[in-house]
Structures are given as C-alpha cells and as structure tokens.
PDB file of N, CA and C in Angstrom:
ATOM      1  N   MET A   1      17.374  -4.553  -4.430  1.00  0.00           N
ATOM      2  CA  MET A   1      16.758  -4.788  -3.562  1.00  0.00           C
ATOM      3  C   MET A   1      15.222  -3.823  -3.666  1.00  0.00           C
ATOM      4  N   ILE A   2      14.255  -4.541  -2.979  1.00  0.00           N
ATOM      5  CA  ILE A   2      13.091  -3.746  -3.187  1.00  0.00           C
ATOM      6  C   ILE A   2      12.280  -3.608  -1.543  1.00  0.00           C
ATOM      7  N   LEU A   3      12.250  -2.368  -1.199  1.00  0.00           N
ATOM      8  CA  LEU A   3      11.781  -2.167  -0.227  1.00  0.00           C
ATOM      9  C   LEU A   3      10.028  -1.912  -0.193  1.00  0.00           C
ATOM     10  N   TYR A   4       9.473  -2.708   0.670  1.00  0.00           N
ATOM     11  CA  TYR A   4       7.763  -2.251   0.910  1.00  0.00           C
ATOM     12  C   TYR A   4       7.317  -1.684   1.883  1.00  0.00           C
ATOM     13  N   ILE A   5       6.569  -0.608   1.132  1.00  0.00           N
ATOM     14  CA  ILE A   5       5.893  -0.067   2.722  1.00  0.00           C
ATOM     15  C   ILE A   5       4.722  -0.170   3.017  1.00  0.00           C
ATOM     16  N   ILE A   6       4.523  -1.232   3.756  1.00  0.00           N
ATOM     17  CA  ILE A   6       2.868  -1.976   3.763  1.00  0.00           C
ATOM     18  C   ILE A   6       1.850  -0.842   4.813  1.00  0.00           C
ATOM     19  N   VAL A   7       0.892  -0.629   4.399  1.00  0.00           N
ATOM     20  CA  VAL A   7       0.292   0.598   4.753  1.00  0.00           C
ATOM     21  C   VAL A   7      -1.108  -0.434   4.996  1.00  0.00           C
ATOM     22  N   PRO A   8      -1.642  -0.908   6.119  1.00  0.00           N
ATOM     23  CA  PRO A   8      -2.894  -1.493   6.456  1.00  0.00           C
ATOM     24  C   PRO A   8      -4.240  -0.207   6.478  1.00  0.00           C
ATOM     25  N   CYS A   9      -5.100  -0.494   5.636  1.00  0.00           N
ATOM     26  CA  CYS A   9      -6.047   0.728   5.815  1.00  0.00           C
ATOM     27  C   CYS A   9      -7.737   0.252   6.130  1.00  0.00           C
ATOM     28  N   TYR A  10      -8.174   0.877   6.731  1.00  0.00           N
ATOM     29  CA  TYR A  10      -9.383   0.556   7.032  1.00  0.00           C
ATOM     30  C   TYR A  10     -10.452   1.742   7.222  1.00  0.00           C
ATOM     31  N   ASN A  11     -11.733   1.866   6.020  1.00  0.00           N
ATOM     32  CA  ASN A  11     -12.245   3.031   6.326  1.00  0.00           C
ATOM     33  C   ASN A  11     -11.435   4.399   6.042  1.00  0.00           C
ATOM     34  N   GLU A  12     -10.661   4.504   4.724  1.00  0.00           N
ATOM     35  CA  GLU A  12      -9.387   5.714   4.889  1.00  0.00           C
ATOM     36  C   GLU A  12      -9.943   6.224   3.813  1.00  0.00           C
ATOM     37  N   GLU A  13     -11.183   6.168   3.361  1.00  0.00           N
ATOM     38  CA  GLU A  13     -11.539   7.069   2.059  1.00  0.00           C
ATOM     39  C   GLU A  13     -11.297   8.435   2.197  1.00  0.00           C
ATOM     40  N   GLU A  14     -11.454   9.086   3.201  1.00  0.00           N
ATOM     41  CA  GLU A  14     -11.516  10.683   3.140  1.00  0.00           C
ATOM     42  C   GLU A  14      -9.838  11.003   3.626  1.00  0.00           C
ATOM     43  N   VAL A  15      -9.449  10.156   4.320  1.00  0.00           N
ATOM     44  CA  VAL A  15      -7.657  10.773   3.993  1.00  0.00           C
ATOM     45  C   VAL A  15      -7.014  10.035   3.380  1.00  0.00           C
ATOM     46  N   PHE A  16      -7.112   9.044   2.651  1.00  0.00           N
ATOM     47  CA  PHE A  16      -6.138   8.292   1.677  1.00  0.00           C
ATOM     48  C   PHE A  16      -5.584   9.326   0.997  1.00  0.00           C
ATOM     49  N   PRO A  17      -6.035  10.327  -0.369  1.00  0.00           N
ATOM     50  CA  PRO A  17      -5.366  10.910  -0.989  1.00  0.00           C
ATOM     51  C   PRO A  17      -4.203  11.640  -0.187  1.00  0.00           C
ATOM     52  N   TRP A  18      -4.697  12.395   0.963  1.00  0.00           N
ATOM     53  CA  TRP A  18      -3.497  12.995   1.745  1.00  0.00           C
ATOM     54  C   TRP A  18      -2.264  11.903   2.003  1.00  0.00           C
ATOM     55  N   SER A  19      -2.822  10.782   2.577  1.00  0.00           N
ATOM     56  CA  SER A  19      -1.539   9.668   2.764  1.00  0.00           C
ATOM     57  C   SER A  19      -0.666   9.462   1.541  1.00  0.00           C
ATOM     58  N   LEU A  20      -1.641   9.468   0.735  1.00  0.00           N
ATOM     59  CA  LEU A  20      -0.787   8.594  -0.600  1.00  0.00           C
ATOM     60  C   LEU A  20       0.025   9.823  -0.955  1.00  0.00           C
ATOM     61  N   ASN A  21      -0.537  11.074  -1.118  1.00  0.00           N
ATOM     62  CA  ASN A  21       0.709  12.154  -1.623  1.00  0.00           C
ATOM     63  C   ASN A  21       1.909  12.078  -0.685  1.00  0.00           C
ATOM     64  N   LYS A  22       1.584  12.138   0.506  1.00  0.00           N
ATOM     65  CA  LYS A  22       2.935  12.011   1.733  1.00  0.00           C
ATOM     66  C   LYS A  22       3.387  10.861   0.984  1.00  0.00           C
ATOM     67  N   LEU A  23       3.094   9.628   0.849  1.00  0.00           N
ATOM     68  CA  LEU A  23       3.876   8.542   0.830  1.00  0.00           C
ATOM     69  C   LEU A  23       4.576   8.405  -0.571  1.00  0.00           C
ATOM     70  N   LEU A  24       3.645   9.064  -1.584  1.00  0.00           N
ATOM     71  CA  LEU A  24       4.549   9.450  -2.659  1.00  0.00           C
ATOM     72  C   LEU A  24       6.051  10.169  -2.538  1.00  0.00           C
ATOM     73  N   THR A  25       5.629  11.149  -1.980  1.00  0.00           N
ATOM     74  CA  THR A  25       6.690  12.101  -2.100  1.00  0.00           C
ATOM     75  C   THR A  25       8.128  11.474  -1.315  1.00  0.00           C
ATOM     76  N   LEU A  26       7.746  10.684  -0.461  1.00  0.00           N
ATOM     77  CA  LEU A  26       8.713   9.836   0.211  1.00  0.00           C
ATOM     78  C   LEU A  26       9.587   8.779   0.009  1.00  0.00           C
ATOM     79  N   THR A  27       8.557   8.007  -1.047  1.00  0.00           N
ATOM     80  CA  THR A  27       9.238   7.235  -2.012  1.00  0.00           C
ATOM     81  C   THR A  27      10.108   7.506  -2.949  1.00  0.00           C
ATOM     82  N   ARG A  28      10.026   8.673  -3.646  1.00  0.00           N
ATOM     83  CA  ARG A  28      10.895   9.484  -4.571  1.00  0.00           C
ATOM     84  C   ARG A  28      11.540   9.959  -4.145  1.00  0.00           C
ATOM     85  N   ARG A  29      11.430  10.324  -2.882  1.00  0.00           N
ATOM     86  CA  ARG A  29      12.834  11.230  -2.144  1.00  0.00           C
ATOM     87  C   ARG A  29      13.534   9.492  -1.644  1.00  0.00           C
ATOM     88  N   LEU A  30      13.288   8.602  -1.656  1.00  0.00           N
ATOM     89  CA  LEU A  30      14.205   7.541  -0.901  1.00  0.00           C
ATOM     90  C   LEU A  30      15.180   7.031  -2.834  1.00  0.00           C
ATOM     91  N   LYS A  31      14.108   6.801  -3.860  1.00  0.00           N
ATOM     92  CA  LYS A  31      14.676   6.797  -4.849  1.00  0.00           C
ATOM     93  C   LYS A  31      15.978   7.653  -5.322  1.00  0.00           C
ATOM     94  N   ALA A  32      15.515   9.231  -5.006  1.00  0.00           N
ATOM     95  CA  ALA A  32      16.522   9.962  -5.309  1.00  0.00           C
ATOM     96  C   ALA A  32      18.121  10.220  -4.445  1.00  0.00           C
ATOM     97  N   GLU A  33      17.465   9.790  -2.902  1.00  0.00           N
ATOM     98  CA  GLU A  33      18.661  10.413  -2.274  1.00  0.00           C
ATOM     99  C   GLU A  33      19.608   8.795  -2.319  1.00  0.00           C
ATOM    100  N   THR A  34      18.678   7.472  -2.177  1.00  0.00           N
ATOM    101  CA  THR A  34      19.819   6.338  -1.523  1.00  0.00           C
ATOM    102  C   THR A  34      19.745   5.086  -3.023  1.00  0.00           C
ATOM    103  N   ASP A  35      18.654   5.589  -4.285  1.00  0.00           N
ATOM    104  CA  ASP A  35      18.858   4.707  -5.297  1.00  0.00           C
ATOM    105  C   ASP A  35      17.626   3.670  -4.734  1.00  0.00           C
ATOM    106  N   THR A  36      16.830   3.842  -3.994  1.00  0.00           N
ATOM    107  CA  THR A  36      16.332   2.623  -2.925  1.00  0.00           C
ATOM    108  C   THR A  36      15.006   2.063  -3.984  1.00  0.00           C
ATOM    109  N   ASP A  37      14.366   0.961  -4.196  1.00  0.00           N
ATOM    110  CA  ASP A  37      13.406   0.790  -5.177  1.00  0.00           C
ATOM    111  C   ASP A  37      12.395   0.644  -4.343  1.00  0.00           C
ATOM    112  N   ALA A  38      11.685   1.363  -3.946  1.00  0.00           N
ATOM    113  CA  ALA A  38      10.734   1.884  -2.526  1.00  0.00           C
ATOM    114  C   ALA A  38       9.021   1.613  -3.295  1.00  0.00           C
ATOM    115  N   ARG A  39       8.472   0.869  -2.833  1.00  0.00           N
ATOM    116  CA  ARG A  39       7.289   0.956  -3.378  1.00  0.00           C
ATOM    117  C   ARG A  39       6.000   0.600  -2.356  1.00  0.00           C
ATOM    118  N   LEU A  40       5.286   1.388  -2.517  1.00  0.00           N
ATOM    119  CA  LEU A  40       3.851   1.336  -1.720  1.00  0.00           C
ATOM    120  C   LEU A  40       2.728   0.233  -1.741  1.00  0.00           C
ATOM    121  N   LEU A  41       2.520  -0.984  -1.168  1.00  0.00           N
ATOM    122  CA  LEU A  41       1.688  -2.006  -0.615  1.00  0.00           C
ATOM    123  C   LEU A  41       0.563  -1.373   0.296  1.00  0.00           C
ATOM    124  N   PHE A  42      -0.624  -1.132   0.010  1.00  0.00           N
ATOM    125  CA  PHE A  42      -1.900  -0.632   0.927  1.00  0.00           C
ATOM    126  C   PHE A  42      -2.826  -2.044   0.898  1.00  0.00           C
ATOM    127  N   VAL A  43      -2.901  -2.480   1.964  1.00  0.00           N
ATOM    128  CA  VAL A  43      -3.759  -3.637   2.599  1.00  0.00           C
ATOM    129  C   VAL A  43      -5.126  -3.183   2.836  1.00  0.00           C
ATOM    130  N   ASP A  44      -6.224  -3.139   2.115  1.00  0.00           N
ATOM    131  CA  ASP A  44      -7.583  -2.697   2.515  1.00  0.00           C
ATOM    132  C   ASP A  44      -8.341  -4.129   3.591  1.00  0.00           C
ATOM    133  N   ASP A  45      -8.425  -3.794   4.525  1.00  0.00           N
ATOM    134  CA  ASP A  45      -8.495  -4.351   5.766  1.00  0.00           C
ATOM    135  C   ASP A  45     -10.296  -4.782   6.168  1.00  0.00           C
ATOM    136  N   GLY A  46     -10.673  -5.266   4.960  1.00  0.00           N
ATOM    137  CA  GLY A  46     -12.372  -5.002   4.645  1.00  0.00           C
ATOM    138  C   GLY A  46     -12.793  -3.741   5.006  1.00  0.00           C
ATOM    139  N   SER A  47     -12.735  -2.983   4.537  1.00  0.00           N
ATOM    140  CA  SER A  47     -13.251  -1.707   4.857  1.00  0.00           C
ATOM    141  C   SER A  47     -14.250  -1.422   4.245  1.00  0.00           C
ATOM    142  N   ARG A  48     -15.361  -0.702   4.536  1.00  0.00           N
ATOM    143  CA  ARG A  48     -16.959  -0.333   4.250  1.00  0.00           C
ATOM    144  C   ARG A  48     -17.161   0.909   3.455  1.00  0.00           C
ATOM    145  N   ASP A  49     -16.217   1.714   3.151  1.00  0.00           N
ATOM    146  CA  ASP A  49     -16.421   2.379   2.329  1.00  0.00           C
ATOM    147  C   ASP A  49     -15.306   2.583   0.874  1.00  0.00           C
ATOM    148  N   ARG A  50     -15.473   3.734   0.070  1.00  0.00           N
ATOM    149  CA  ARG A  50     -14.704   3.576  -0.758  1.00  0.00           C
ATOM    150  C   ARG A  50     -13.208   2.931  -0.964  1.00  0.00           C
ATOM    151  N   THR A  51     -12.412   3.086   0.188  1.00  0.00           N
ATOM    152  CA  THR A  51     -11.035   2.652   0.236  1.00  0.00           C
ATOM    153  C   THR A  51     -10.639   1.832  -0.906  1.00  0.00           C
ATOM    154  N   TRP A  52     -10.944   0.480  -1.062  1.00  0.00           N
ATOM    155  CA  TRP A  52     -10.672  -0.102  -2.239  1.00  0.00           C
ATOM    156  C   TRP A  52     -10.376   0.364  -3.495  1.00  0.00           C
ATOM    157  N   GLU A  53     -11.744   1.150  -3.981  1.00  0.00           N
ATOM    158  CA  GLU A  53     -11.577   1.678  -5.497  1.00  0.00           C
ATOM    159  C   GLU A  53     -10.558   2.823  -5.306  1.00  0.00           C
ATOM    160  N   ILE A  54     -10.594   3.650  -4.329  1.00  0.00           N
ATOM    161  CA  ILE A  54      -9.173   4.594  -4.397  1.00  0.00           C
ATOM    162  C   ILE A  54      -8.290   3.687  -4.276  1.00  0.00           C
ATOM    163  N   ILE A  55      -7.737   2.871  -3.594  1.00  0.00           N
ATOM    164  CA  ILE A  55      -6.331   2.426  -3.832  1.00  0.00           C
ATOM    165  C   ILE A  55      -6.402   1.645  -4.877  1.00  0.00           C
ATOM    166  N   SER A  56      -7.193   0.961  -5.827  1.00  0.00           N
ATOM    167  CA  SER A  56      -7.064   0.374  -7.296  1.00  0.00           C
ATOM    168  C   SER A  56      -7.030   1.967  -8.141  1.00  0.00           C
ATOM    169  N   GLU A  57      -7.809   2.493  -7.992  1.00  0.00           N
ATOM    170  CA  GLU A  57      -7.237   3.835  -8.789  1.00  0.00           C
ATOM    171  C   GLU A  57      -5.747   4.487  -8.180  1.00  0.00           C
ATOM    172  N   ALA A  58      -5.249   4.317  -7.283  1.00  0.00           N
ATOM    173  CA  ALA A  58      -4.206   4.765  -7.068  1.00  0.00           C
ATOM    174  C   ALA A  58      -3.075   3.922  -7.685  1.00  0.00           C
ATOM    175  N   ALA A  59      -3.229   2.905  -7.701  1.00  0.00           N
ATOM    176  CA  ALA A  59      -2.358   1.510  -8.495  1.00  0.00           C
ATOM    177  C   ALA A  59      -2.500   1.644  -9.610  1.00  0.00           C
ATOM    178  N   LYS A  60      -3.059   2.304 -10.256  1.00  0.00           N
ATOM    179  CA  LYS A  60      -3.267   2.210 -11.849  1.00  0.00           C
ATOM    180  C   LYS A  60      -2.660   3.451 -12.341  1.00  0.00           C
ATOM    181  N   ALA A  61      -2.388   4.772 -11.066  1.00  0.00           N
ATOM    182  CA  ALA A  61      -1.827   5.664 -11.738  1.00  0.00           C
ATOM    183  C   ALA A  61      -0.627   5.648 -11.560  1.00  0.00           C
ATOM    184  N   HIS A  62       0.112   4.892 -10.364  1.00  0.00           N
ATOM    185  CA  HIS A  62       1.334   5.050 -10.364  1.00  0.00           C
ATOM    186  C   HIS A  62       1.532   3.147 -10.491  1.00  0.00           C
ATOM    187  N   CYS A  63       3.022   3.752 -10.909  1.00  0.00           N
ATOM    188  CA  CYS A  63       3.403   1.948 -11.146  1.00  0.00           C
ATOM    189  C   CYS A  63       4.071   1.141  -9.930  1.00  0.00           C
ATOM    190  N   TYR A  64       4.555   1.864  -9.378  1.00  0.00           N
ATOM    191  CA  TYR A  64       5.064   1.601  -7.485  1.00  0.00           C
ATOM    192  C   TYR A  64       3.930   1.466  -6.388  1.00  0.00           C
ATOM    193  N   VAL A  65       2.723   1.364  -6.886  1.00  0.00           N
ATOM    194  CA  VAL A  65       1.626   1.314  -5.889  1.00  0.00           C
ATOM    195  C   VAL A  65       0.483   0.304  -5.859  1.00  0.00           C
ATOM    196  N   SER A  66       0.366  -0.591  -5.024  1.00  0.00           N
ATOM    197  CA  SER A  66      -0.164  -1.856  -5.141  1.00  0.00           C
ATOM    198  C   SER A  66      -0.838  -2.049  -3.918  1.00  0.00           C
ATOM    199  N   GLY A  67      -2.159  -2.750  -4.177  1.00  0.00           N
ATOM    200  CA  GLY A  67      -2.842  -3.056  -3.065  1.00  0.00           C
ATOM    201  C   GLY A  67      -3.360  -4.373  -3.105  1.00  0.00           C
ATOM    202  N   ILE A  68      -3.843  -4.914  -2.257  1.00  0.00           N
ATOM    203  CA  ILE A  68      -4.664  -6.467  -1.769  1.00  0.00           C
ATOM    204  C   ILE A  68      -5.868  -5.841  -0.741  1.00  0.00           C
ATOM    205  N   ARG A  69      -6.882  -6.769  -1.097  1.00  0.00           N
ATOM    206  CA  ARG A  69      -8.281  -6.404  -0.599  1.00  0.00           C
ATOM    207  C   ARG A  69      -8.225  -7.751   0.357  1.00  0.00           C
ATOM    208  N   LEU A  70      -8.560  -7.553   1.476  1.00  0.00           N
ATOM    209  CA  LEU A  70      -9.044  -8.823   2.461  1.00  0.00           C
ATOM    210  C   LEU A  70     -10.346  -8.948   2.797  1.00  0.00           C
ATOM    211  N   SER A  71     -11.517 -10.009   2.271  1.00  0.00           N
ATOM    212  CA  SER A  71     -12.663  -9.733   2.616  1.00  0.00           C
ATOM    213  C   SER A  71     -13.183  -9.367   3.912  1.00  0.00           C
ATOM    214  N   HIS A  72     -12.552  -9.576   4.939  1.00  0.00           N
ATOM    215  CA  HIS A  72     -13.393  -8.942   5.766  1.00  0.00           C
ATOM    216  C   HIS A  72     -12.084  -8.595   6.709  1.00  0.00           C
ATOM    217  N   ASN A  73     -12.773  -7.590   8.334  1.00  0.00           N
ATOM    218  CA  ASN A  73     -11.547  -7.365   9.243  1.00  0.00           C
ATOM    219  C   ASN A  73     -10.653  -8.103   9.692  1.00  0.00           C
ATOM    220  N   GLU A  74      -9.488  -8.159   9.533  1.00  0.00           N
ATOM    221  CA  GLU A  74      -8.509  -9.062   9.919  1.00  0.00           C
ATOM    222  C   GLU A  74      -7.947  -8.042  11.555  1.00  0.00           C
ATOM    223  N   GLY A  75      -8.152  -6.790  11.488  1.00  0.00           N
ATOM    224  CA  GLY A  75      -7.154  -6.372  12.367  1.00  0.00           C
ATOM    225  C   GLY A  75      -5.905  -5.427  11.562  1.00  0.00           C
ATOM    226  N   HIS A  76      -5.309  -4.723  12.737  1.00  0.00           N
ATOM    227  CA  HIS A  76      -3.943  -4.125  12.183  1.00  0.00           C
ATOM    228  C   HIS A  76      -2.814  -5.330  11.819  1.00  0.00           C
ATOM    229  N   GLN A  77      -2.880  -6.280  12.854  1.00  0.00           N
ATOM    230  CA  GLN A  77      -1.750  -6.988  12.464  1.00  0.00           C
ATOM    231  C   GLN A  77      -1.945  -7.894  11.742  1.00  0.00           C
ATOM    232  N   GLY A  78      -3.220  -8.583  11.732  1.00  0.00           N
ATOM    233  CA  GLY A  78      -3.668  -9.327  10.199  1.00  0.00           C
ATOM    234  C   GLY A  78      -3.162  -8.848   8.986  1.00  0.00           C
ATOM    235  N   ALA A  79      -3.710  -7.463   8.856  1.00  0.00           N
ATOM    236  CA  ALA A  79      -3.374  -6.585   7.767  1.00  0.00           C
ATOM    237  C   ALA A  79      -2.113  -6.613   7.187  1.00  0.00           C
ATOM    238  N   LEU A  80      -1.304  -6.219   8.382  1.00  0.00           N
ATOM    239  CA  LEU A  80       0.310  -6.388   8.287  1.00  0.00           C
ATOM    240  C   LEU A  80       0.992  -7.768   7.737  1.00  0.00           C
ATOM    241  N   TRP A  81       0.634  -8.525   8.202  1.00  0.00           N
ATOM    242  CA  TRP A  81       1.234 -10.202   8.180  1.00  0.00           C
ATOM    243  C   TRP A  81       0.746 -10.509   6.355  1.00  0.00           C
ATOM    244  N   ALA A  82      -0.506 -10.069   6.466  1.00  0.00           N
ATOM    245  CA  ALA A  82      -1.268 -10.262   4.710  1.00  0.00           C
ATOM    246  C   ALA A  82      -0.069  -9.320   3.428  1.00  0.00           C
ATOM    247  N   GLY A  83       0.265  -8.198   4.158  1.00  0.00           N
ATOM    248  CA  GLY A  83       1.010  -7.550   3.533  1.00  0.00           C
ATOM    249  C   GLY A  83       2.538  -8.131   3.149  1.00  0.00           C
ATOM    250  N   MET A  84       3.192  -8.426   4.290  1.00  0.00           N
ATOM    251  CA  MET A  84       4.120  -9.127   4.362  1.00  0.00           C
ATOM    252  C   MET A  84       4.352 -10.387   3.524  1.00  0.00           C
ATOM    253  N   GLN A  85       3.095 -11.043   3.619  1.00  0.00           N
ATOM    254  CA  GLN A  85       3.368 -12.283   2.795  1.00  0.00           C
ATOM    255  C   GLN A  85       3.278 -11.712   1.377  1.00  0.00           C
ATOM    256  N   GLU A  86       2.197 -10.719   1.049  1.00  0.00           N
ATOM    257  CA  GLU A  86       2.441 -10.055  -0.529  1.00  0.00           C
ATOM    258  C   GLU A  86       3.348  -9.976  -1.114  1.00  0.00           C
ATOM    259  N   SER A  87       4.132  -9.352   0.032  1.00  0.00           N
ATOM    260  CA  SER A  87       5.321  -8.619  -0.531  1.00  0.00           C
ATOM    261  C   SER A  87       6.313  -9.646  -0.682  1.00  0.00           C
ATOM    262  N   VAL A  88       6.598 -10.830   0.030  1.00  0.00           N
ATOM    263  CA  VAL A  88       7.580 -11.925  -0.085  1.00  0.00           C
ATOM    264  C   VAL A  88       7.357 -12.640  -1.654  1.00  0.00           C
ATOM    265  N   ALA A  89       5.966 -12.496  -1.368  1.00  0.00           N
ATOM    266  CA  ALA A  89       5.362 -13.534  -2.650  1.00  0.00           C
ATOM    267  C   ALA A  89       5.775 -12.730  -4.493  1.00  0.00           C
ATOM    268  N   THR A  90       5.478 -11.612  -4.470  1.00  0.00           N
ATOM    269  CA  THR A  90       5.675 -10.288  -5.505  1.00  0.00           C
ATOM    270  C   THR A  90       7.216 -10.344  -5.667  1.00  0.00           C
ATOM    271  N   SER A  91       7.982 -10.332  -4.434  1.00  0.00           N
ATOM    272  CA  SER A  91       9.739 -10.043  -4.481  1.00  0.00           C
ATOM    273  C   SER A  91      10.046 -11.631  -5.149  1.00  0.00           C
ATOM    274  N   ASP A  92       9.241 -12.659  -4.628  1.00  0.00           N
ATOM    275  CA  ASP A  92      10.036 -14.242  -5.536  1.00  0.00           C
ATOM    276  C   ASP A  92       9.557 -14.275  -6.626  1.00  0.00           C
ATOM    277  N   ALA A  93       8.340 -13.957  -7.390  1.00  0.00           N
ATOM    278  CA  ALA A  93       7.898 -14.001  -8.895  1.00  0.00           C
ATOM    279  C   ALA A  93       9.001 -13.364  -9.745  1.00  0.00           C
TER     280      ALA A  93
END
C-alpha cells in the first residue's frame, strides 16, 4: 500500500524548502516505524513564483517526491482533488 501525502501549493517559494524538510522527515519516520510506503505529492495550484521549479527540483532529488502543475489557480479544494486523482492514477499504473 502507498500512502500519498497531498500538499496543495500556491506561491510557496519562500516556505517550500522548510515544508519539504519537515515532510521528508515525516515520510522517513513513517517508513521506519510502520513500514509504510509514504510519498509526497505537491500540487502547484497555478503559482506565479518559482514554486513549480522548486517542486521539480525536489522530485529529481527524492524518489518519493512528485508534483503536478495546474495551469491556473483552482483553489485549495480543486488542488486537493487533482492530487487525489493523480495518486489513484499513479497507484493503478
């Protein structure tokens, strides 16, 4: 079983590195303590800053980090829904 932690992002350039480090620590802890295959899925909700570039860099650096980019701002719920759809499609593949 894979546990996806879906994180909507909108103009998060300044705080993304901090958030990423906290979430990476969490995923490592989940793996060590529960043997859960936890993955991070960041959803760029139409950001206008470097958020997508930073998500892409994180995905290249960490095999259990991925991201999707929405073409325009869908709002928090829309970004969560897109992330859920992506996680189901990825799990089925």
